[in-house]
Amino acid sequence: MPVVTGAASVVSLAVPEGPDEWPGCVAFLFRLRDAIGELAELLASRVAVPEGSDCGG
């Protein structure tokens, strides 16, 4: 089972049980790949501007 870990996150993926489940798994992984960049950008922007900060100084 592939596992990706970070400081505060863990993602694990189970291999589908049978070949009939593979197309759905492939589709999910492509959607995940396409969305992960947006999620990373969102989180990076929140780190750059902490919640509750006063942008006006």
C-alpha atoms as a PDB file:
ATOM      1  CA  MET A   1       0.000   0.000   0.000  1.00  0.00           C
ATOM      2  CA  PRO A   2       1.502   3.365  -1.008  1.00  0.00           C
ATOM      3  CA  VAL A   3       1.781   5.804   1.906  1.00  0.00           C
ATOM      4  CA  VAL A   4       2.778   9.472   1.792  1.00  0.00           C
ATOM      5  CA  THR A   5       3.510  11.163   5.117  1.00  0.00           C
ATOM      6  CA  GLY A   6       4.282  14.689   6.174  1.00  0.00           C
ATOM      7  CA  ALA A   7       4.504  16.670   9.398  1.00  0.00           C
ATOM      8  CA  ALA A   8       0.748  16.770   9.974  1.00  0.00           C
ATOM      9  CA  SER A   9      -0.683  14.625   7.188  1.00  0.00           C
ATOM     10  CA  VAL A  10      -0.854  11.015   6.103  1.00  0.00           C
ATOM     11  CA  VAL A  11      -2.296   9.699   2.864  1.00  0.00           C
ATOM     12  CA  SER A  12      -2.570   5.985   2.239  1.00  0.00           C
ATOM     13  CA  LEU A  13      -3.961   4.258  -0.821  1.00  0.00           C
ATOM     14  CA  ALA A  14      -5.126   0.672  -0.946  1.00  0.00           C
ATOM     15  CA  VAL A  15      -4.693  -1.235  -4.175  1.00  0.00           C
ATOM     16  CA  PRO A  16      -8.101  -2.217  -5.610  1.00  0.00           C
ATOM     17  CA  GLU A  17      -9.053  -5.820  -4.966  1.00  0.00           C
ATOM     18  CA  GLY A  18      -9.851  -6.750  -8.549  1.00  0.00           C
ATOM     19  CA  PRO A  19      -9.248  -5.525 -12.097  1.00  0.00           C
ATOM     20  CA  ASP A  20     -12.884  -4.418 -12.393  1.00  0.00           C
ATOM     21  CA  GLU A  21     -12.145  -1.745  -9.727  1.00  0.00           C
ATOM     22  CA  TRP A  22      -8.999  -0.398 -11.395  1.00  0.00           C
ATOM     23  CA  PRO A  23     -10.678   2.080 -13.800  1.00  0.00           C
ATOM     24  CA  GLY A  24     -12.428   3.842 -10.916  1.00  0.00           C
ATOM     25  CA  CYS A  25      -9.185   3.965  -8.938  1.00  0.00           C
ATOM     26  CA  VAL A  26      -7.311   5.381 -11.922  1.00  0.00           C
ATOM     27  CA  ALA A  27      -9.975   8.068 -12.402  1.00  0.00           C
ATOM     28  CA  PHE A  28      -9.759   8.995  -8.705  1.00  0.00           C
ATOM     29  CA  LEU A  29      -5.956   9.244  -8.821  1.00  0.00           C
ATOM     30  CA  PHE A  30      -6.077  11.521 -11.881  1.00  0.00           C
ATOM     31  CA  ARG A  31      -8.631  13.787 -10.139  1.00  0.00           C
ATOM     32  CA  LEU A  32      -6.429  13.827  -7.046  1.00  0.00           C
ATOM     33  CA  ARG A  33      -3.372  14.693  -9.117  1.00  0.00           C
ATOM     34  CA  ASP A  34      -5.214  17.541 -10.830  1.00  0.00           C
ATOM     35  CA  ALA A  35      -6.523  19.015  -7.564  1.00  0.00           C
ATOM     36  CA  ILE A  36      -3.463  18.593  -5.359  1.00  0.00           C
ATOM     37  CA  GLY A  37      -1.683  21.623  -6.829  1.00  0.00           C
ATOM     38  CA  GLU A  38      -4.657  23.843  -6.037  1.00  0.00           C
ATOM     39  CA  LEU A  39      -4.787  22.524  -2.479  1.00  0.00           C
ATOM     40  CA  ALA A  40      -1.067  23.157  -1.999  1.00  0.00           C
ATOM     41  CA  GLU A  41      -1.441  26.725  -3.307  1.00  0.00           C
ATOM     42  CA  LEU A  42      -4.382  27.348  -0.970  1.00  0.00           C
ATOM     43  CA  LEU A  43      -2.451  26.105   2.043  1.00  0.00           C
ATOM     44  CA  ALA A  44       0.665  28.058   1.035  1.00  0.00           C
ATOM     45  CA  SER A  45      -1.354  31.262   0.789  1.00  0.00           C
ATOM     46  CA  ARG A  46      -2.750  30.672   4.283  1.00  0.00           C
ATOM     47  CA  VAL A  47       0.770  30.236   5.631  1.00  0.00           C
ATOM     48  CA  ALA A  48       1.875  33.458   3.917  1.00  0.00           C
ATOM     49  CA  VAL A  49      -1.049  35.433   5.404  1.00  0.00           C
ATOM     50  CA  PRO A  50      -1.911  33.998   8.823  1.00  0.00           C
ATOM     51  CA  GLU A  51      -5.566  34.068   9.839  1.00  0.00           C
ATOM     52  CA  GLY A  52      -6.515  37.203  11.721  1.00  0.00           C
ATOM     53  CA  SER A  53      -3.596  39.245  10.370  1.00  0.00           C
ATOM     54  CA  ASP A  54      -4.207  42.882   9.580  1.00  0.00           C
ATOM     55  CA  CYS A  55      -3.205  43.420   5.951  1.00  0.00           C
ATOM     56  CA  GLY A  56      -3.479  47.172   6.437  1.00  0.00           C
ATOM     57  CA  GLY A  57      -0.656  47.290   8.983  1.00  0.00           C
END
